[in-house]
C-alpha cells in the first residue's frame, strides 16, 4: 500500500508539472526590449505601494555546473510482510452458468415485464386522468362562459335600468325646466305687457318721438317770429323815443320863444298891462304844446317816418335803427 501511495503522489506531481509547463507554453511572454531599452518592474497589484527608497542594484554573475544526466529514481517498493496465500478451485465447485442464470433471467424478465405493465397502466391511468381533466376543463369553461354570459346579461340589464332611470330623470328635469320656462315666459309677458307703452310714453314725454312739423315750428318758426316781433317792438320803441325827443325839443323851443316877448312891443307900450286876450293865446299854446306829446304818445301805431318825414335827424335815427335790426336778423 505504501508503494501505491508513492506512485500516486509522483503521478500527481508529474501532472502538476506538466500542467505548469503547458500553461507557461500557452501563456504569451513579454517580448524582448528593443535595443537601447530595458524592462522595468512595475507594480500591477490593486493595492499600490509607494516606493520611497530605491534599493541599490548590483549586477552579479555565477556559473553553474553542467547538468549531469542521471537515471530516474526507482519506485519505492516496501518489503513484503506476512505470507502469500492461495485457493484451489476444483472442477465442479463453481456454479453452472445455464442452470444458475436461468432463474436470475426469469426474475429480471419478470420484473421488466411487470415494470412495463405498470408503466403501461400508469400511462393509461394518466391518459384517463387527462381525459377527465379535459372534460372537467371543458365543463368548467362552459360554466365560466355561462357565468360570464349571465354576468354580462346582468350588467346590460343594470346599465339599461340605469340608463332608463337617467333618461326618466332627464325627462323630468326637462319637463320641470319647460314648465319653469313657460311660467317665466308668462310672468315676463304679464310683467312686460305695460313696459313697451310706458317706455314709448316716457320716450315721447322726453322728446325722443316728436312731430317734425311741430318741432320745425318750435325750433325754426317760433324763434324767427319772436325775433321779428322783438325787432318790430324795438322799432316802435325807438320811434316813440325819437318822437318824444323831437316833441320835447319843439316844446322847449316854443316855450323859450313864448317866454321872451318881442323887444318892439316892450318899447312902444311899456306901461300897458297885458290883456287877457293877449295872454290867452300863450296859454292856449302852452296847453297845446303840453297836450301835443300826450296825443303823439297815444298814436303809437303810426310809423316814425310818416309823422316827421321832413326831419333829418329822425330819418338818420330810423336808418340807424334799420341797420341795427338788420344786424340782429343776420345774427
Foldseek 3Di string as FASTA:
>chain_A
DVLVVQVVVVVVVVVVVVVVVVVVVVDDDDDADDPPDHDDDDDPDPDDDDDDDDDDDDDDDDDDDDDDDDDDDDGDDDDDDDDDDDDDDDPPPDDDCVVVCVVVVVVVVVVVVVVVVVVVVVVVVVVVVVVVVVVVVVVVVVVVVVVVVVVVVVVVVVVVVVVVVVVVVVVVVVVVVVVVVVVVVVVCCVVCVCVVVVVVVVCVVVPVDDDPVVVCCVPPVVVVVVLVVVLVVVQLVLLLVVVLVVLVVVLVVVCVVVVDDDPVVCVVCVPDDDDPVVVVVVVVVNVCSVVVNVVVNVPSPDGNCVVCVPDPVSVVSSVVSVVVSVVVVVD
